[in-house]
């Protein structure tokens, strides 16, 4: 990647490729694509819809002169990680943005984000805060700072920084950061993984207002896949040993692993992990909930539904 940054004018209107992985959700995908094409952004936008294990059929949408829409079939590993990588590699432009097919960009997103690449010339990734929609109302999540460090992400996943807000320098994704990890079980946690890898290279600036709307209504590809959830988080813990350097961060991740284990009927193993967490962090609510599920005092469905109503995740 060139060490010479673009000028402010170039960055403010630089061409962007938006990658939208999709799997048999044509109406939601169409809304996602339309939210990209409708951006009030001075630069060209290419939308690459990556069809994962389904027929490639682009939505019927109007295209302005500087907007393009292409279909790509995922011929890599099936799932979100492989589909994202297929889109990254097919991208025509130097900047690559992500959008899940059930989310939408809010007006002004790209116009607000792109100048941050000039303000922070070392940045490989720029994000925004997010709005989480549970079907009844939106829950706005802001980040604790306008500049997120690797240490921040080790200590806290920072849910405000959702993958549907990401814009990367493409050269960094195919170079020093690396592509999305296709070895993660079911692709779960691929956003956490790439955030940790990106932040290890450079701090992540963001527009700290919600410019992406994330659907939290139970349609997630990962919903209820508790065994794979636990496997993926165990994989992440092994892949990023710096998490172990922070007892609080390690306890947070292990409490999620415990929840996944008990929710997939691996109750004995999950209860033991929950107890390990509580010995280090007695106030860890997720570990207590995992223990309650492991003792059959609650169900994972009830706990997750209650969390979504509060605009939170497990």
Protein backbone atom coordinates (compact mmCIF):
# COMPACT_ATOMS: atom_id res chain seq x y z
CA UNK A 1 0.00 0.00 0.00
CA UNK A 2 1.27 3.45 -0.88
CA UNK A 3 2.44 5.52 2.08
CA UNK A 4 1.27 8.71 0.38
CA UNK A 5 -2.28 9.58 1.47
CA UNK A 6 -4.85 10.94 -0.93
CA UNK A 7 -5.72 14.62 -0.72
CA UNK A 8 -8.73 15.69 1.32
CA UNK A 9 -10.76 16.32 -1.84
CA UNK A 10 -9.89 12.87 -3.24
CA UNK A 11 -10.78 11.05 -0.04
CA UNK A 12 -14.03 12.95 0.42
CA UNK A 13 -15.22 11.66 -2.95
CA UNK A 14 -13.10 8.52 -3.39
CA UNK A 15 -14.79 5.60 -5.19
CA UNK A 16 -16.13 2.99 -2.76
CA UNK A 17 -17.15 -0.64 -3.26
CA UNK A 18 -19.89 -1.83 -0.89
CA UNK A 19 -19.97 -5.59 -0.35
CA UNK A 20 -23.37 -7.11 0.52
CA UNK A 21 -23.34 -10.87 1.22
CA UNK A 22 -26.79 -12.44 0.91
CA UNK A 23 -28.53 -15.78 1.30
CA UNK A 24 -32.18 -16.09 0.21
CA UNK A 25 -33.47 -12.81 1.66
CA UNK A 26 -34.33 -10.88 -1.51
CA UNK A 27 -36.57 -8.21 0.03
CA UNK A 28 -34.19 -7.42 2.86
CA UNK A 29 -31.26 -7.45 0.44
CA UNK A 30 -33.04 -5.05 -1.87
CA UNK A 31 -33.55 -2.59 1.01
CA UNK A 32 -29.88 -2.88 1.93
CA UNK A 33 -28.77 -2.22 -1.66
CA UNK A 34 -31.16 0.71 -2.00
CA UNK A 35 -29.78 2.30 1.18
CA UNK A 36 -26.32 2.27 -0.41
CA UNK A 37 -27.43 3.60 -3.80
CA UNK A 38 -29.40 6.37 -2.10
CA UNK A 39 -26.38 7.76 -0.24
CA UNK A 40 -25.83 11.48 -0.80
CA UNK A 41 -22.17 10.92 -1.61
CA UNK A 42 -20.16 12.79 -4.23
CA UNK A 43 -18.01 9.84 -5.26
CA UNK A 44 -18.80 6.74 -7.33
CA UNK A 45 -20.25 3.75 -5.49
CA UNK A 46 -20.05 0.16 -6.69
CA UNK A 47 -22.35 -2.34 -4.97
CA UNK A 48 -21.22 -5.97 -5.13
CA UNK A 49 -23.93 -8.38 -3.98
CA UNK A 50 -22.37 -11.74 -3.13
CA UNK A 51 -24.81 -14.63 -3.44
CA UNK A 52 -23.94 -17.39 -0.97
CA UNK A 53 -25.43 -20.81 -1.78
CA UNK A 54 -28.37 -19.31 -3.65
CA UNK A 55 -29.31 -18.17 -7.13
CA UNK A 56 -27.77 -14.86 -8.21
CA UNK A 57 -30.63 -12.46 -8.88
CA UNK A 58 -30.02 -8.74 -8.50
CA UNK A 59 -32.84 -6.45 -7.35
CA UNK A 60 -34.56 -4.18 -9.85
CA UNK A 61 -33.33 -0.75 -8.73
CA UNK A 62 -32.59 2.52 -10.49
CA UNK A 63 -28.92 3.36 -10.95
CA UNK A 64 -27.52 6.89 -11.19
CA UNK A 65 -24.64 7.54 -13.57
CA UNK A 66 -22.01 7.06 -10.87
CA UNK A 67 -23.62 4.01 -9.23
CA UNK A 68 -23.04 0.42 -10.36
CA UNK A 69 -24.47 -2.91 -9.20
CA UNK A 70 -22.85 -6.31 -9.76
CA UNK A 71 -23.54 -9.90 -8.76
CA UNK A 72 -20.82 -12.26 -7.54
CA UNK A 73 -21.30 -15.91 -6.61
CA UNK A 74 -19.43 -17.06 -3.52
CA UNK A 75 -17.14 -19.86 -4.65
CA UNK A 76 -15.06 -19.75 -1.48
CA UNK A 77 -16.01 -21.18 1.93
CA UNK A 78 -19.77 -21.10 2.35
CA UNK A 79 -20.95 -18.50 4.84
CA UNK A 80 -20.45 -14.86 5.70
CA UNK A 81 -16.64 -14.90 5.86
CA UNK A 82 -16.19 -16.54 2.47
CA UNK A 83 -18.85 -14.31 0.91
CA UNK A 84 -17.22 -11.16 2.25
CA UNK A 85 -13.86 -12.26 0.93
CA UNK A 86 -15.34 -12.99 -2.49
CA UNK A 87 -16.68 -9.43 -2.54
CA UNK A 88 -13.42 -7.89 -1.32
CA UNK A 89 -11.44 -9.66 -4.02
CA UNK A 90 -13.97 -8.66 -6.70
CA UNK A 91 -14.02 -4.99 -5.62
CA UNK A 92 -12.99 -2.44 -8.22
CA UNK A 93 -12.16 0.40 -5.83
CA UNK A 94 -9.54 1.25 -3.19
CA UNK A 95 -12.08 1.52 -0.37
CA UNK A 96 -14.34 -1.39 0.60
CA UNK A 97 -17.40 -1.08 2.82
CA UNK A 98 -19.46 -3.84 4.43
CA UNK A 99 -23.24 -4.09 4.78
CA UNK A 100 -25.16 -7.17 5.91
CA UNK A 101 -28.22 -7.97 3.82
CA UNK A 102 -30.64 -7.36 6.70
CA UNK A 103 -29.19 -3.97 7.70
CA UNK A 104 -29.37 -0.53 6.07
CA UNK A 105 -27.14 2.51 5.88
CA UNK A 106 -28.71 5.72 7.15
CA UNK A 107 -28.48 8.95 5.15
CA UNK A 108 -25.11 10.69 5.14
CA UNK A 109 -23.06 7.68 6.20
CA UNK A 110 -20.35 7.65 3.54
CA UNK A 111 -20.15 11.44 3.30
CA UNK A 112 -19.43 11.59 7.05
CA UNK A 113 -16.97 8.68 7.12
CA UNK A 114 -14.67 9.18 4.17
CA UNK A 115 -13.01 12.45 5.31
CA UNK A 116 -11.77 10.61 8.40
CA UNK A 117 -9.30 8.73 6.20
CA UNK A 118 -7.69 12.11 5.50
CA UNK A 119 -7.88 13.27 9.12
CA UNK A 120 -6.26 9.96 10.17
CA UNK A 121 -3.96 9.01 7.26
CA UNK A 122 -2.71 5.88 9.03
CA UNK A 123 -6.25 4.51 9.50
CA UNK A 124 -7.03 1.28 7.69
CA UNK A 125 -10.62 1.13 8.95
CA UNK A 126 -13.24 3.78 9.72
CA UNK A 127 -16.56 3.01 11.41
CA UNK A 128 -19.66 4.70 12.78
CA UNK A 129 -21.93 4.23 15.76
CA UNK A 130 -25.05 2.11 15.23
CA UNK A 131 -28.78 1.91 15.78
CA UNK A 132 -30.16 -1.51 16.75
CA UNK A 133 -33.75 -2.14 15.67
CA UNK A 134 -35.67 -4.78 17.63
CA UNK A 135 -38.80 -4.37 15.52
CA UNK A 136 -40.48 -1.98 17.94
CA UNK A 137 -37.96 0.79 18.41
CA UNK A 138 -34.35 1.68 17.79
CA UNK A 139 -31.63 1.56 20.41
CA UNK A 140 -28.78 3.95 19.58
CA UNK A 141 -25.33 2.79 20.63
CA UNK A 142 -22.45 5.25 20.77
CA UNK A 143 -18.80 4.36 21.22
CA UNK A 144 -16.89 5.54 24.31
CA UNK A 145 -14.49 7.52 22.10
CA UNK A 146 -14.13 8.85 18.56
CA UNK A 147 -10.87 6.91 18.23
CA UNK A 148 -10.79 3.22 19.17
CA UNK A 149 -7.50 1.55 20.08
CA UNK A 150 -6.50 -2.10 20.14
CA UNK A 151 -6.50 -1.99 23.93
CA UNK A 152 -10.06 -0.67 23.90
CA UNK A 153 -11.20 -3.64 21.78
CA UNK A 154 -9.37 -6.17 23.91
CA UNK A 155 -11.22 -4.86 26.96
CA UNK A 156 -14.63 -4.45 25.29
CA UNK A 157 -16.06 -5.55 21.93
CA UNK A 158 -17.73 -2.09 21.65
CA UNK A 159 -21.02 -3.18 20.09
CA UNK A 160 -21.62 0.31 18.69
CA UNK A 161 -18.93 -0.49 16.12
CA UNK A 162 -20.92 -2.91 13.97
CA UNK A 163 -19.52 -4.57 10.85
CA UNK A 164 -22.22 -2.95 8.68
CA UNK A 165 -20.55 0.39 9.44
CA UNK A 166 -17.03 -0.64 8.36
CA UNK A 167 -15.11 1.01 5.52
CA UNK A 168 -11.61 -0.38 4.90
CA UNK A 169 -8.69 0.48 2.72
CA UNK A 170 -8.86 -2.53 0.41
CA UNK A 171 -5.06 -2.82 0.25
CA UNK A 172 -4.97 -3.43 4.00
CA UNK A 173 -7.54 -6.24 3.79
CA UNK A 174 -5.59 -8.07 1.10
CA UNK A 175 -2.31 -7.20 2.84
CA UNK A 176 -1.29 -6.42 6.41
CA UNK A 177 -4.67 -7.01 8.10
CA UNK A 178 -5.64 -10.00 6.00
CA UNK A 179 -8.95 -11.24 4.68
CA UNK A 180 -11.87 -12.36 6.84
CA UNK A 181 -10.99 -15.58 8.66
CA UNK A 182 -12.83 -18.44 6.96
CA UNK A 183 -11.67 -20.95 9.60
CA UNK A 184 -13.95 -19.53 12.30
CA UNK A 185 -16.72 -22.04 13.14
CA UNK A 186 -19.78 -20.90 11.15
CA UNK A 187 -18.01 -17.56 10.70
CA UNK A 188 -19.20 -16.39 14.11
CA UNK A 189 -17.16 -13.50 15.55
CA UNK A 190 -15.48 -12.66 12.24
CA UNK A 191 -16.17 -8.97 12.92
CA UNK A 192 -14.50 -9.14 16.34
CA UNK A 193 -11.53 -10.93 14.81
CA UNK A 194 -10.99 -8.41 12.01
CA UNK A 195 -11.44 -5.50 14.43
CA UNK A 196 -8.69 -6.88 16.66
CA UNK A 197 -6.41 -7.44 13.68
CA UNK A 198 -7.13 -4.02 12.18
CA UNK A 199 -6.68 -2.16 15.47
CA UNK A 200 -3.33 -3.91 16.01
CA UNK A 201 -2.16 -2.16 12.82
CA UNK A 202 -3.69 1.28 13.47
CA UNK A 203 -6.28 2.98 15.65
CA UNK A 204 -9.86 3.04 14.32
CA UNK A 205 -11.54 6.45 14.00
CA UNK A 206 -15.31 6.60 13.77
CA UNK A 207 -18.19 8.99 13.28
CA UNK A 208 -19.75 8.71 16.71
CA UNK A 209 -23.37 8.92 15.70
CA UNK A 210 -25.63 6.10 14.47
CA UNK A 211 -25.35 5.93 10.68
CA UNK A 212 -26.29 2.28 10.21
CA UNK A 213 -29.48 0.52 11.30
CA UNK A 214 -28.90 -3.06 12.44
CA UNK A 215 -31.85 -5.44 12.48
CA UNK A 216 -32.17 -7.34 15.78
CA UNK A 217 -35.38 -9.29 15.32
CA UNK A 218 -34.30 -12.89 15.34
CA UNK A 219 -33.40 -13.26 11.64
CA UNK A 220 -29.68 -13.62 12.31
CA UNK A 221 -27.99 -16.53 10.57
CA UNK A 222 -26.33 -17.37 13.91
CA UNK A 223 -29.40 -17.23 16.14
CA UNK A 224 -29.57 -20.35 18.32
CA UNK A 225 -26.37 -21.92 16.95
CA UNK A 226 -25.05 -22.17 20.49
CA UNK A 227 -22.51 -24.99 20.06
CA UNK A 228 -20.86 -23.20 17.12
CA UNK A 229 -21.03 -19.94 19.07
CA UNK A 230 -19.02 -21.49 21.91
CA UNK A 231 -16.56 -23.11 19.48
CA UNK A 232 -15.98 -19.83 17.65
CA UNK A 233 -15.35 -17.86 20.83
CA UNK A 234 -12.94 -20.56 22.06
CA UNK A 235 -11.15 -20.22 18.71
CA UNK A 236 -10.95 -16.42 19.09
CA UNK A 237 -9.56 -16.70 22.61
CA UNK A 238 -6.79 -18.97 21.33
CA UNK A 239 -6.11 -16.80 18.27
CA UNK A 240 -5.76 -13.56 20.25
CA UNK A 241 -3.58 -14.36 23.28
CA UNK A 242 -3.45 -10.70 24.30
CA UNK A 243 -7.01 -11.13 25.58
CA UNK A 244 -5.62 -13.40 28.30
CA UNK A 245 -3.45 -10.50 29.49
CA UNK A 246 -6.61 -8.80 30.73
CA UNK A 247 -8.48 -10.84 33.37
CA UNK A 248 -11.67 -8.82 32.76
CA UNK A 249 -11.52 -9.33 28.99
CA UNK A 250 -10.85 -13.06 29.32
CA UNK A 251 -13.71 -13.39 31.83
CA UNK A 252 -16.08 -11.59 29.46
CA UNK A 253 -15.28 -13.93 26.58
CA UNK A 254 -15.42 -17.04 28.78
CA UNK A 255 -18.82 -16.00 30.13
CA UNK A 256 -20.07 -15.99 26.52
CA UNK A 257 -18.51 -19.41 26.00
CA UNK A 258 -20.27 -20.66 29.13
CA UNK A 259 -23.59 -19.33 27.85
CA UNK A 260 -23.07 -21.09 24.52
CA UNK A 261 -22.18 -24.37 26.20
CA UNK A 262 -25.15 -24.53 28.57
CA UNK A 263 -27.52 -23.39 25.80
CA UNK A 264 -26.36 -26.27 23.58
CA UNK A 265 -27.03 -28.81 26.39
CA UNK A 266 -23.36 -29.04 27.37
CA UNK A 267 -24.50 -28.08 30.83
CA UNK A 268 -21.76 -29.59 32.96
CA UNK A 269 -18.97 -28.03 30.89
CA UNK A 270 -20.81 -24.70 30.73
CA UNK A 271 -21.44 -24.58 34.48
CA UNK A 272 -17.75 -25.18 35.15
CA UNK A 273 -16.68 -22.37 32.80
CA UNK A 274 -19.27 -20.06 34.42
CA UNK A 275 -17.91 -20.88 37.88
CA UNK A 276 -14.36 -20.14 36.67
CA UNK A 277 -15.53 -16.74 35.48
CA UNK A 278 -17.34 -15.96 38.72
CA UNK A 279 -14.24 -16.76 40.77
CA UNK A 280 -12.45 -14.00 38.83
CA UNK A 281 -15.39 -11.66 38.27
CA UNK A 282 -18.21 -12.28 40.79
CA UNK A 283 -20.47 -9.61 39.26
CA UNK A 284 -20.44 -11.05 35.72
CA UNK A 285 -24.16 -11.17 34.88
CA UNK A 286 -23.72 -13.33 31.78
CA UNK A 287 -21.93 -15.98 33.83
CA UNK A 288 -24.75 -15.97 36.40
CA UNK A 289 -27.29 -16.35 33.59
CA UNK A 290 -25.27 -19.23 32.14
CA UNK A 291 -25.22 -20.88 35.53
CA UNK A 292 -29.00 -20.43 35.85
CA UNK A 293 -29.54 -22.04 32.44
CA UNK A 294 -27.12 -24.81 33.33
CA UNK A 295 -29.18 -25.52 36.44
CA UNK A 296 -32.42 -25.38 34.40
CA UNK A 297 -33.65 -22.28 36.23
CA UNK A 298 -34.03 -20.34 32.97
CA UNK A 299 -34.01 -20.99 29.23
CA UNK A 300 -31.67 -19.46 26.65
CA UNK A 301 -34.66 -18.33 24.57
CA UNK A 302 -36.13 -16.36 27.48
CA UNK A 303 -32.79 -14.73 28.35
CA UNK A 304 -31.99 -13.79 24.76
CA UNK A 305 -35.47 -12.37 24.12
CA UNK A 306 -35.19 -10.23 27.27
CA UNK A 307 -31.75 -9.00 26.18
CA UNK A 308 -33.04 -8.02 22.74
CA UNK A 309 -35.89 -6.04 24.30
CA UNK A 310 -33.25 -4.03 26.15
CA UNK A 311 -31.24 -3.54 22.96
CA UNK A 312 -28.46 -5.80 24.16
CA UNK A 313 -26.91 -9.06 23.02
CA UNK A 314 -25.52 -12.13 24.72
